[in-house]
C-alpha atoms as a PDB file:
ATOM      1  CA  UNK A   1       0.000   0.000   0.000  1.00  0.00           C
ATOM      2  CA  UNK A   2       2.729   2.484   1.024  1.00  0.00           C
ATOM      3  CA  UNK A   3       4.688   1.754  -2.159  1.00  0.00           C
ATOM      4  CA  UNK A   4       1.697   2.465  -4.368  1.00  0.00           C
ATOM      5  CA  UNK A   5       1.027   5.711  -2.504  1.00  0.00           C
ATOM      6  CA  UNK A   6       4.617   6.868  -3.043  1.00  0.00           C
ATOM      7  CA  UNK A   7       5.565   6.797   0.652  1.00  0.00           C
ATOM      8  CA  UNK A   8       9.032   5.246   0.401  1.00  0.00           C
ATOM      9  CA  UNK A   9       9.891   5.784   4.064  1.00  0.00           C
ATOM     10  CA  UNK A  10       6.789   3.949   5.272  1.00  0.00           C
ATOM     11  CA  UNK A  11       7.272   1.236   2.663  1.00  0.00           C
ATOM     12  CA  UNK A  12      10.855   0.714   3.871  1.00  0.00           C
ATOM     13  CA  UNK A  13       9.718   0.627   7.504  1.00  0.00           C
ATOM     14  CA  UNK A  14       7.061  -1.973   6.686  1.00  0.00           C
ATOM     15  CA  UNK A  15       9.630  -4.003   4.718  1.00  0.00           C
ATOM     16  CA  UNK A  16      12.118  -3.956   7.631  1.00  0.00           C
ATOM     17  CA  UNK A  17       9.423  -5.210  10.015  1.00  0.00           C
ATOM     18  CA  UNK A  18       8.847  -8.360   7.945  1.00  0.00           C
ATOM     19  CA  UNK A  19      10.518 -11.267   9.727  1.00  0.00           C
ATOM     20  CA  UNK A  20      11.386 -13.087   6.499  1.00  0.00           C
ATOM     21  CA  UNK A  21      11.201 -10.703   3.525  1.00  0.00           C
ATOM     22  CA  UNK A  22       9.995 -12.338   0.334  1.00  0.00           C
ATOM     23  CA  UNK A  23      10.254 -11.529  -3.360  1.00  0.00           C
ATOM     24  CA  UNK A  24       6.818  -9.928  -3.405  1.00  0.00           C
ATOM     25  CA  UNK A  25       7.574  -7.421  -0.640  1.00  0.00           C
ATOM     26  CA  UNK A  26      11.018  -6.639  -2.086  1.00  0.00           C
ATOM     27  CA  UNK A  27       9.511  -5.948  -5.494  1.00  0.00           C
ATOM     28  CA  UNK A  28       7.051  -3.498  -3.961  1.00  0.00           C
ATOM     29  CA  UNK A  29       9.905  -1.641  -2.270  1.00  0.00           C
ATOM     30  CA  UNK A  30      11.936  -1.518  -5.502  1.00  0.00           C
ATOM     31  CA  UNK A  31       8.911  -0.085  -7.307  1.00  0.00           C
ATOM     32  CA  UNK A  32       8.438   2.520  -4.554  1.00  0.00           C
ATOM     33  CA  UNK A  33      12.060   3.624  -4.789  1.00  0.00           C
ATOM     34  CA  UNK A  34      11.852   3.709  -8.591  1.00  0.00           C
ATOM     35  CA  UNK A  35       8.716   5.869  -8.561  1.00  0.00           C
ATOM     36  CA  UNK A  36      10.487   8.286  -6.209  1.00  0.00           C
ATOM     37  CA  UNK A  37      13.504   8.439  -8.558  1.00  0.00           C
ATOM     38  CA  UNK A  38      15.747   6.836  -5.921  1.00  0.00           C
ATOM     39  CA  UNK A  39      17.765   4.443  -8.066  1.00  0.00           C
ATOM     40  CA  UNK A  40      20.337   3.847  -5.341  1.00  0.00           C
ATOM     41  CA  UNK A  41      17.607   2.636  -3.000  1.00  0.00           C
ATOM     42  CA  UNK A  42      16.056   0.423  -5.677  1.00  0.00           C
ATOM     43  CA  UNK A  43      19.440  -1.052  -6.577  1.00  0.00           C
ATOM     44  CA  UNK A  44      20.289  -1.643  -2.919  1.00  0.00           C
ATOM     45  CA  UNK A  45      17.162  -3.743  -2.440  1.00  0.00           C
ATOM     46  CA  UNK A  46      17.782  -5.558  -5.737  1.00  0.00           C
ATOM     47  CA  UNK A  47      21.404  -6.412  -4.901  1.00  0.00           C
ATOM     48  CA  UNK A  48      20.409  -7.683  -1.467  1.00  0.00           C
ATOM     49  CA  UNK A  49      17.812 -10.151  -2.763  1.00  0.00           C
ATOM     50  CA  UNK A  50      18.667 -13.849  -2.676  1.00  0.00           C
ATOM     51  CA  UNK A  51      15.766 -14.727  -4.943  1.00  0.00           C
ATOM     52  CA  UNK A  52      14.444 -12.710  -7.865  1.00  0.00           C
ATOM     53  CA  UNK A  53      11.603 -13.198 -10.335  1.00  0.00           C
ATOM     54  CA  UNK A  54      10.586 -11.630 -13.635  1.00  0.00           C
ATOM     55  CA  UNK A  55       8.919  -8.688 -11.860  1.00  0.00           C
ATOM     56  CA  UNK A  56      12.150  -7.942  -9.971  1.00  0.00           C
ATOM     57  CA  UNK A  57      14.218  -7.702 -13.142  1.00  0.00           C
ATOM     58  CA  UNK A  58      11.563  -5.765 -14.994  1.00  0.00           C
ATOM     59  CA  UNK A  59      11.187  -3.207 -12.204  1.00  0.00           C
ATOM     60  CA  UNK A  60      14.870  -2.389 -11.859  1.00  0.00           C
ATOM     61  CA  UNK A  61      15.629  -2.412 -15.610  1.00  0.00           C
ATOM     62  CA  UNK A  62      12.651  -0.173 -16.295  1.00  0.00           C
ATOM     63  CA  UNK A  63      13.727   2.186 -13.484  1.00  0.00           C
ATOM     64  CA  UNK A  64      17.176   2.666 -15.032  1.00  0.00           C
ATOM     65  CA  UNK A  65      15.688   2.989 -18.515  1.00  0.00           C
ATOM     66  CA  UNK A  66      13.241   5.708 -17.489  1.00  0.00           C
ATOM     67  CA  UNK A  67      16.147   7.683 -16.002  1.00  0.00           C
ATOM     68  CA  UNK A  68      18.056   7.460 -19.292  1.00  0.00           C
ATOM     69  CA  UNK A  69      20.756   5.164 -17.862  1.00  0.00           C
ATOM     70  CA  UNK A  70      20.806   2.880 -20.872  1.00  0.00           C
ATOM     71  CA  UNK A  71      24.209   1.297 -20.218  1.00  0.00           C
ATOM     72  CA  UNK A  72      23.258   0.217 -16.709  1.00  0.00           C
ATOM     73  CA  UNK A  73      19.848  -1.024 -17.845  1.00  0.00           C
ATOM     74  CA  UNK A  74      21.450  -2.975 -20.687  1.00  0.00           C
ATOM     75  CA  UNK A  75      24.054  -4.526 -18.331  1.00  0.00           C
ATOM     76  CA  UNK A  76      21.275  -5.678 -16.011  1.00  0.00           C
ATOM     77  CA  UNK A  77      19.339  -7.033 -18.966  1.00  0.00           C
ATOM     78  CA  UNK A  78      22.370  -9.100 -19.992  1.00  0.00           C
ATOM     79  CA  UNK A  79      22.724 -10.413 -16.440  1.00  0.00           C
ATOM     80  CA  UNK A  80      19.263 -11.954 -16.468  1.00  0.00           C
ATOM     81  CA  UNK A  81      19.471 -15.729 -15.892  1.00  0.00           C
ATOM     82  CA  UNK A  82      17.583 -16.482 -19.125  1.00  0.00           C
ATOM     83  CA  UNK A  83      16.736 -13.713 -21.547  1.00  0.00           C
ATOM     84  CA  UNK A  84      13.485 -14.983 -23.012  1.00  0.00           C
ATOM     85  CA  UNK A  85       9.865 -13.904 -22.843  1.00  0.00           C
ATOM     86  CA  UNK A  86       9.425 -15.736 -19.535  1.00  0.00           C
ATOM     87  CA  UNK A  87      11.998 -13.462 -17.888  1.00  0.00           C
ATOM     88  CA  UNK A  88      11.008 -10.069 -19.331  1.00  0.00           C
ATOM     89  CA  UNK A  89       8.031  -8.568 -21.064  1.00  0.00           C
ATOM     90  CA  UNK A  90       7.135  -5.942 -23.614  1.00  0.00           C
ATOM     91  CA  UNK A  91       7.148  -3.205 -20.949  1.00  0.00           C
ATOM     92  CA  UNK A  92      10.827  -3.843 -20.201  1.00  0.00           C
ATOM     93  CA  UNK A  93      11.792  -3.867 -23.865  1.00  0.00           C
ATOM     94  CA  UNK A  94       9.800  -0.726 -24.627  1.00  0.00           C
ATOM     95  CA  UNK A  95      11.463   1.054 -21.697  1.00  0.00           C
ATOM     96  CA  UNK A  96      14.925   0.038 -22.937  1.00  0.00           C
ATOM     97  CA  UNK A  97      14.129   1.216 -26.458  1.00  0.00           C
ATOM     98  CA  UNK A  98      12.739   4.524 -25.174  1.00  0.00           C
ATOM     99  CA  UNK A  99      15.915   5.070 -23.171  1.00  0.00           C
ATOM    100  CA  UNK A 100      17.988   4.564 -26.327  1.00  0.00           C
ATOM    101  CA  UNK A 101      15.732   7.056 -28.097  1.00  0.00           C
ATOM    102  CA  UNK A 102      16.327   9.684 -25.430  1.00  0.00           C
ATOM    103  CA  UNK A 103      20.088   9.305 -25.965  1.00  0.00           C
ATOM    104  CA  UNK A 104      19.828   9.019 -29.774  1.00  0.00           C
ATOM    105  CA  UNK A 105      21.755   5.754 -29.552  1.00  0.00           C
ATOM    106  CA  UNK A 106      20.754   3.487 -32.463  1.00  0.00           C
ATOM    107  CA  UNK A 107      23.489   0.892 -31.817  1.00  0.00           C
ATOM    108  CA  UNK A 108      22.122  -0.364 -28.509  1.00  0.00           C
ATOM    109  CA  UNK A 109      18.614   0.172 -29.868  1.00  0.00           C
ATOM    110  CA  UNK A 110      19.337  -2.315 -32.643  1.00  0.00           C
ATOM    111  CA  UNK A 111      20.650  -4.817 -30.091  1.00  0.00           C
ATOM    112  CA  UNK A 112      17.428  -4.522 -28.120  1.00  0.00           C
ATOM    113  CA  UNK A 113      15.468  -4.887 -31.365  1.00  0.00           C
ATOM    114  CA  UNK A 114      17.263  -8.208 -31.947  1.00  0.00           C
ATOM    115  CA  UNK A 115      16.408  -9.326 -28.404  1.00  0.00           C
ATOM    116  CA  UNK A 116      12.750  -8.549 -29.087  1.00  0.00           C
ATOM    117  CA  UNK A 117      12.884 -10.744 -32.180  1.00  0.00           C
ATOM    118  CA  UNK A 118      14.584 -13.565 -30.253  1.00  0.00           C
ATOM    119  CA  UNK A 119      11.948 -13.403 -27.520  1.00  0.00           C
ATOM    120  CA  UNK A 120       9.068 -13.317 -29.993  1.00  0.00           C
ATOM    121  CA  UNK A 121       7.981  -9.889 -28.791  1.00  0.00           C
ATOM    122  CA  UNK A 122       8.776  -8.015 -31.995  1.00  0.00           C
ATOM    123  CA  UNK A 123       5.099  -8.083 -33.008  1.00  0.00           C
ATOM    124  CA  UNK A 124       3.959  -6.352 -29.806  1.00  0.00           C
ATOM    125  CA  UNK A 125       2.384  -2.983 -30.625  1.00  0.00           C
ATOM    126  CA  UNK A 126       4.036  -1.141 -27.726  1.00  0.00           C
ATOM    127  CA  UNK A 127       7.478  -2.465 -28.617  1.00  0.00           C
ATOM    128  CA  UNK A 128       7.078  -1.618 -32.291  1.00  0.00           C
ATOM    129  CA  UNK A 129       5.859   1.895 -31.560  1.00  0.00           C
ATOM    130  CA  UNK A 130       8.893   2.409 -29.326  1.00  0.00           C
ATOM    131  CA  UNK A 131      11.198   1.092 -32.051  1.00  0.00           C
ATOM    132  CA  UNK A 132       9.743   3.537 -34.601  1.00  0.00           C
ATOM    133  CA  UNK A 133      10.192   6.374 -32.122  1.00  0.00           C
ATOM    134  CA  UNK A 134      13.771   5.306 -31.347  1.00  0.00           C
ATOM    135  CA  UNK A 135      14.885   4.916 -34.956  1.00  0.00           C
ATOM    136  CA  UNK A 136      13.271   8.243 -35.841  1.00  0.00           C
ATOM    137  CA  UNK A 137      15.009  10.138 -33.039  1.00  0.00           C
ATOM    138  CA  UNK A 138      18.299   8.531 -34.043  1.00  0.00           C
ATOM    139  CA  UNK A 139      17.858   9.733 -37.617  1.00  0.00           C
ATOM    140  CA  UNK A 140      17.354   6.222 -39.008  1.00  0.00           C
ATOM    141  CA  UNK A 141      14.098   7.034 -40.786  1.00  0.00           C
ATOM    142  CA  UNK A 142      14.389   4.122 -43.210  1.00  0.00           C
ATOM    143  CA  UNK A 143      14.598   1.637 -40.323  1.00  0.00           C
ATOM    144  CA  UNK A 144      11.629   3.302 -38.628  1.00  0.00           C
ATOM    145  CA  UNK A 145       9.627   2.989 -41.848  1.00  0.00           C
ATOM    146  CA  UNK A 146      10.639  -0.665 -42.198  1.00  0.00           C
ATOM    147  CA  UNK A 147       9.292  -1.432 -38.729  1.00  0.00           C
ATOM    148  CA  UNK A 148       6.002   0.288 -39.571  1.00  0.00           C
ATOM    149  CA  UNK A 149       5.653  -1.349 -42.977  1.00  0.00           C
ATOM    150  CA  UNK A 150       5.784  -4.821 -41.417  1.00  0.00           C
ATOM    151  CA  UNK A 151       3.069  -4.045 -38.861  1.00  0.00           C
ATOM    152  CA  UNK A 152      -0.353  -5.581 -39.416  1.00  0.00           C
ATOM    153  CA  UNK A 153      -1.889  -3.614 -36.542  1.00  0.00           C
ATOM    154  CA  UNK A 154      -1.292   0.130 -36.149  1.00  0.00           C
ATOM    155  CA  UNK A 155      -2.790   2.675 -33.796  1.00  0.00           C
ATOM    156  CA  UNK A 156      -2.597   6.467 -33.714  1.00  0.00           C
ATOM    157  CA  UNK A 157       0.612   6.228 -31.644  1.00  0.00           C
ATOM    158  CA  UNK A 158       2.216   4.291 -34.495  1.00  0.00           C
ATOM    159  CA  UNK A 159       1.339   6.963 -37.025  1.00  0.00           C
ATOM    160  CA  UNK A 160       2.402   9.781 -34.695  1.00  0.00           C
ATOM    161  CA  UNK A 161       5.782   8.137 -34.080  1.00  0.00           C
ATOM    162  CA  UNK A 162       6.409   7.768 -37.816  1.00  0.00           C
ATOM    163  CA  UNK A 163       5.142  11.267 -38.521  1.00  0.00           C
ATOM    164  CA  UNK A 164       7.545  12.627 -35.902  1.00  0.00           C
ATOM    165  CA  UNK A 165      10.391  10.676 -37.503  1.00  0.00           C
ATOM    166  CA  UNK A 166       9.722  12.314 -40.862  1.00  0.00           C
ATOM    167  CA  UNK A 167       9.183  15.824 -39.513  1.00  0.00           C
ATOM    168  CA  UNK A 168      12.182  15.838 -37.172  1.00  0.00           C
ATOM    169  CA  UNK A 169      14.436  14.674 -39.979  1.00  0.00           C
ATOM    170  CA  UNK A 170      13.414  17.421 -42.449  1.00  0.00           C
ATOM    171  CA  UNK A 171      11.164  15.099 -44.463  1.00  0.00           C
ATOM    172  CA  UNK A 172       7.935  17.050 -44.031  1.00  0.00           C
ATOM    173  CA  UNK A 173       6.502  16.212 -47.505  1.00  0.00           C
ATOM    174  CA  UNK A 174       6.852  12.494 -46.734  1.00  0.00           C
ATOM    175  CA  UNK A 175       5.155  13.096 -43.396  1.00  0.00           C
ATOM    176  CA  UNK A 176       2.228  14.857 -45.044  1.00  0.00           C
ATOM    177  CA  UNK A 177       1.835  12.011 -47.547  1.00  0.00           C
ATOM    178  CA  UNK A 178       1.747   9.590 -44.639  1.00  0.00           C
ATOM    179  CA  UNK A 179      -0.875  11.738 -42.922  1.00  0.00           C
ATOM    180  CA  UNK A 180      -3.133  11.274 -45.953  1.00  0.00           C
ATOM    181  CA  UNK A 181      -2.594   7.504 -45.886  1.00  0.00           C
ATOM    182  CA  UNK A 182      -3.323   7.510 -42.162  1.00  0.00           C
ATOM    183  CA  UNK A 183      -6.722   9.103 -42.729  1.00  0.00           C
ATOM    184  CA  UNK A 184      -7.444   6.796 -45.671  1.00  0.00           C
ATOM    185  CA  UNK A 185      -6.918   3.853 -43.311  1.00  0.00           C
ATOM    186  CA  UNK A 186      -9.525   5.266 -40.956  1.00  0.00           C
ATOM    187  CA  UNK A 187      -7.198   6.680 -38.272  1.00  0.00           C
ATOM    188  CA  UNK A 188      -8.089  10.267 -37.484  1.00  0.00           C
ATOM    189  CA  UNK A 189      -5.382  12.678 -36.278  1.00  0.00           C
ATOM    190  CA  UNK A 190      -5.416  13.427 -32.564  1.00  0.00           C
ATOM    191  CA  UNK A 191      -4.093  16.389 -30.582  1.00  0.00           C
ATOM    192  CA  UNK A 192      -0.544  15.047 -30.729  1.00  0.00           C
ATOM    193  CA  UNK A 193      -0.754  14.599 -34.507  1.00  0.00           C
ATOM    194  CA  UNK A 194      -1.786  18.229 -34.962  1.00  0.00           C
ATOM    195  CA  UNK A 195       1.037  19.400 -32.670  1.00  0.00           C
ATOM    196  CA  UNK A 196       3.634  17.396 -34.623  1.00  0.00           C
ATOM    197  CA  UNK A 197       2.530  18.808 -37.986  1.00  0.00           C
ATOM    198  CA  UNK A 198       2.110  22.429 -36.871  1.00  0.00           C
ATOM    199  CA  UNK A 199       5.430  22.416 -35.002  1.00  0.00           C
ATOM    200  CA  UNK A 200       7.126  21.130 -38.142  1.00  0.00           C
ATOM    201  CA  UNK A 201       5.520  23.891 -40.209  1.00  0.00           C
ATOM    202  CA  UNK A 202       6.551  26.470 -37.622  1.00  0.00           C
ATOM    203  CA  UNK A 203      10.196  25.371 -37.493  1.00  0.00           C
ATOM    204  CA  UNK A 204      10.376  25.249 -41.285  1.00  0.00           C
ATOM    205  CA  UNK A 205       8.668  28.641 -41.707  1.00  0.00           C
ATOM    206  CA  UNK A 206       5.903  27.103 -43.833  1.00  0.00           C
ATOM    207  CA  UNK A 207       3.289  29.813 -43.311  1.00  0.00           C
ATOM    208  CA  UNK A 208       0.866  28.905 -46.120  1.00  0.00           C
ATOM    209  CA  UNK A 209       0.872  25.228 -45.192  1.00  0.00           C
ATOM    210  CA  UNK A 210       0.237  26.034 -41.534  1.00  0.00           C
ATOM    211  CA  UNK A 211      -2.696  28.310 -42.364  1.00  0.00           C
ATOM    212  CA  UNK A 212      -4.174  25.736 -44.756  1.00  0.00           C
ATOM    213  CA  UNK A 213      -3.860  23.080 -42.056  1.00  0.00           C
ATOM    214  CA  UNK A 214      -5.680  25.253 -39.511  1.00  0.00           C
ATOM    215  CA  UNK A 215      -8.443  25.922 -42.032  1.00  0.00           C
ATOM    216  CA  UNK A 216      -8.750  22.216 -42.830  1.00  0.00           C
ATOM    217  CA  UNK A 217      -8.937  21.087 -39.219  1.00  0.00           C
ATOM    218  CA  UNK A 218     -10.844  24.014 -37.708  1.00  0.00           C
ATOM    219  CA  UNK A 219     -12.962  22.664 -34.885  1.00  0.00           C
ATOM    220  CA  UNK A 220     -10.424  19.939 -34.093  1.00  0.00           C
ATOM    221  CA  UNK A 221      -7.591  22.172 -32.893  1.00  0.00           C
ATOM    222  CA  UNK A 222      -7.025  23.558 -29.416  1.00  0.00           C
ATOM    223  CA  UNK A 223      -5.580  26.874 -28.268  1.00  0.00           C
ATOM    224  CA  UNK A 224      -1.995  25.536 -28.228  1.00  0.00           C
ATOM    225  CA  UNK A 225      -2.276  24.633 -31.916  1.00  0.00           C
ATOM    226  CA  UNK A 226      -3.522  28.110 -32.740  1.00  0.00           C
ATOM    227  CA  UNK A 227      -0.755  29.706 -30.680  1.00  0.00           C
ATOM    228  CA  UNK A 228       1.848  27.751 -32.618  1.00  0.00           C
ATOM    229  CA  UNK A 229       0.564  29.306 -35.850  1.00  0.00           C
ATOM    230  CA  UNK A 230       0.168  32.755 -34.270  1.00  0.00           C
ATOM    231  CA  UNK A 231       3.835  32.603 -33.310  1.00  0.00           C
ATOM    232  CA  UNK A 232       4.774  31.543 -36.863  1.00  0.00           C
ATOM    233  CA  UNK A 233       2.734  34.364 -38.401  1.00  0.00           C
ATOM    234  CA  UNK A 234       4.202  36.843 -35.953  1.00  0.00           C
ATOM    235  CA  UNK A 235       7.761  35.872 -36.850  1.00  0.00           C
ATOM    236  CA  UNK A 236       6.852  36.146 -40.529  1.00  0.00           C
ATOM    237  CA  UNK A 237       5.425  39.625 -40.005  1.00  0.00           C
ATOM    238  CA  UNK A 238       1.882  38.689 -41.066  1.00  0.00           C
ATOM    239  CA  UNK A 239       0.371  40.436 -38.073  1.00  0.00           C
ATOM    240  CA  UNK A 240      -3.154  40.984 -39.350  1.00  0.00           C
ATOM    241  CA  UNK A 241      -3.636  37.263 -39.874  1.00  0.00           C
ATOM    242  CA  UNK A 242      -2.088  36.537 -36.472  1.00  0.00           C
ATOM    243  CA  UNK A 243      -4.643  38.916 -34.946  1.00  0.00           C
ATOM    244  CA  UNK A 244      -7.453  37.113 -36.738  1.00  0.00           C
ATOM    245  CA  UNK A 245      -6.299  33.702 -35.483  1.00  0.00           C
ATOM    246  CA  UNK A 246      -6.159  34.967 -31.909  1.00  0.00           C
ATOM    247  CA  UNK A 247      -9.810  36.017 -32.259  1.00  0.00           C
ATOM    248  CA  UNK A 248     -10.724  32.597 -33.685  1.00  0.00           C
ATOM    249  CA  UNK A 249      -8.766  30.461 -31.221  1.00  0.00           C
ATOM    250  CA  UNK A 250     -10.805  28.349 -28.797  1.00  0.00           C
ATOM    251  CA  UNK A 251     -10.536  29.159 -25.120  1.00  0.00           C
ATOM    252  CA  UNK A 252      -9.737  26.389 -22.696  1.00  0.00           C
ATOM    253  CA  UNK A 253      -9.652  26.167 -18.944  1.00  0.00           C
ATOM    254  CA  UNK A 254      -6.140  26.844 -17.689  1.00  0.00           C
ATOM    255  CA  UNK A 255      -5.092  28.929 -20.703  1.00  0.00           C
ATOM    256  CA  UNK A 256      -3.116  32.097 -20.033  1.00  0.00           C
ATOM    257  CA  UNK A 257      -5.411  34.769 -21.556  1.00  0.00           C
ATOM    258  CA  UNK A 258      -2.487  37.192 -21.913  1.00  0.00           C
ATOM    259  CA  UNK A 259      -0.238  34.848 -23.903  1.00  0.00           C
ATOM    260  CA  UNK A 260      -1.792  35.415 -27.357  1.00  0.00           C
ATOM    261  CA  UNK A 261      -1.608  39.183 -26.983  1.00  0.00           C
ATOM    262  CA  UNK A 262       1.900  39.317 -25.517  1.00  0.00           C
ATOM    263  CA  UNK A 263       3.050  36.983 -28.310  1.00  0.00           C
ATOM    264  CA  UNK A 264       1.562  39.367 -30.856  1.00  0.00           C
ATOM    265  CA  UNK A 265       3.056  42.341 -29.016  1.00  0.00           C
ATOM    266  CA  UNK A 266       6.512  40.780 -29.231  1.00  0.00           C
ATOM    267  CA  UNK A 267       6.008  40.283 -32.987  1.00  0.00           C
ATOM    268  CA  UNK A 268       4.892  43.903 -33.364  1.00  0.00           C
ATOM    269  CA  UNK A 269       8.049  45.058 -31.608  1.00  0.00           C
ATOM    270  CA  UNK A 270      10.137  42.855 -33.920  1.00  0.00           C
ATOM    271  CA  UNK A 271       8.545  44.318 -37.034  1.00  0.00           C
ATOM    272  CA  UNK A 272       8.047  47.869 -35.786  1.00  0.00           C
ATOM    273  CA  UNK A 273       4.239  47.862 -36.065  1.00  0.00           C
ATOM    274  CA  UNK A 274       3.272  50.339 -33.375  1.00  0.00           C
ATOM    275  CA  UNK A 275      -0.412  50.576 -34.298  1.00  0.00           C
ATOM    276  CA  UNK A 276      -1.130  46.845 -34.057  1.00  0.00           C
ATOM    277  CA  UNK A 277       1.091  46.662 -30.993  1.00  0.00           C
ATOM    278  CA  UNK A 278      -0.915  49.359 -29.223  1.00  0.00           C
ATOM    279  CA  UNK A 279      -4.189  47.568 -29.919  1.00  0.00           C
ATOM    280  CA  UNK A 280      -2.715  44.259 -28.747  1.00  0.00           C
ATOM    281  CA  UNK A 281      -1.478  45.966 -25.570  1.00  0.00           C
ATOM    282  CA  UNK A 282      -4.947  47.371 -24.891  1.00  0.00           C
ATOM    283  CA  UNK A 283      -6.436  43.873 -25.109  1.00  0.00           C
ATOM    284  CA  UNK A 284      -3.774  42.433 -22.808  1.00  0.00           C
ATOM    285  CA  UNK A 285      -4.098  45.221 -20.248  1.00  0.00           C
ATOM    286  CA  UNK A 286      -7.897  44.932 -20.204  1.00  0.00           C
ATOM    287  CA  UNK A 287      -7.516  41.290 -19.226  1.00  0.00           C
ATOM    288  CA  UNK A 288      -5.047  41.957 -16.410  1.00  0.00           C
ATOM    289  CA  UNK A 289      -4.212  45.610 -15.633  1.00  0.00           C
ATOM    290  CA  UNK A 290      -1.778  44.579 -12.888  1.00  0.00           C
ATOM    291  CA  UNK A 291       0.482  42.534 -15.154  1.00  0.00           C
ATOM    292  CA  UNK A 292       3.653  44.438 -16.089  1.00  0.00           C
ATOM    293  CA  UNK A 293       4.699  42.562 -19.259  1.00  0.00           C
ATOM    294  CA  UNK A 294       2.123  44.192 -21.616  1.00  0.00           C
ATOM    295  CA  UNK A 295       3.203  47.670 -20.489  1.00  0.00           C
ATOM    296  CA  UNK A 296       6.881  46.856 -21.007  1.00  0.00           C
ATOM    297  CA  UNK A 297       6.316  45.323 -24.438  1.00  0.00           C
ATOM    298  CA  UNK A 298       4.010  48.158 -25.469  1.00  0.00           C
ATOM    299  CA  UNK A 299       6.490  50.851 -24.445  1.00  0.00           C
ATOM    300  CA  UNK A 300       9.326  49.217 -26.363  1.00  0.00           C
ATOM    301  CA  UNK A 301       7.039  48.777 -29.400  1.00  0.00           C
ATOM    302  CA  UNK A 302       5.959  52.420 -29.407  1.00  0.00           C
ATOM    303  CA  UNK A 303       9.549  53.640 -29.294  1.00  0.00           C
END
């Protein structure tokens, strides 16, 4: 109970009070340490265990993987008594692959890919999605595409991972073609899909494409998506259209109401548009007269 609630101290106290600690109680303590980010504590319990099971290995390997310590996770993986699907599962493999992705290390990622094949877990959807993500982040787009092409079952995470691989490796046209295929196969873009595409347009300065995308998916985009395009338009100096998008953007609970106007104000200062900047400042100040940033931006825009 204490482990699940994140109370490591109480979990450790309960563990120490057990006359003969067993694998089950040790695993709970390892998981509690891992959730708290205390790898030293998790490893201490692991090293002190006389008996370990598949959960033990999975917990400690996943803990190291989630902290980006791929080498240590991989060393533990190789120490497993028998490295087959009875000793680890798709969660462990996916965690290892994700750790390689975070370090852009395709070499160890390929080794883990081979282990997945050996264990018969290469067809698992979670593992395959992680492999696509890893190969994409490592710049191995062709390998990512190969993994996807051999999949008989794909979900929106699969498509998003491949779309990210294309967009992050300056292959936006290929990503847009894949987006069309995705919709033809009956998978509709989700919030993450829209963010991937609009961020790619923004980084590439593709103003017309971004505006066409917003027009095509109006009603499916949230305020963050609109702000991404407002920022792009502002940097491009198309301030009237940025103003229009701010007016059209949906409002969501938790949004900073000043952000659209201060973003536009910053763009006005960049391009020396005092008139639009003054109007943007008025809107920002009406929302929060006590906030200093609109006044500062407005004064620098006017002068």
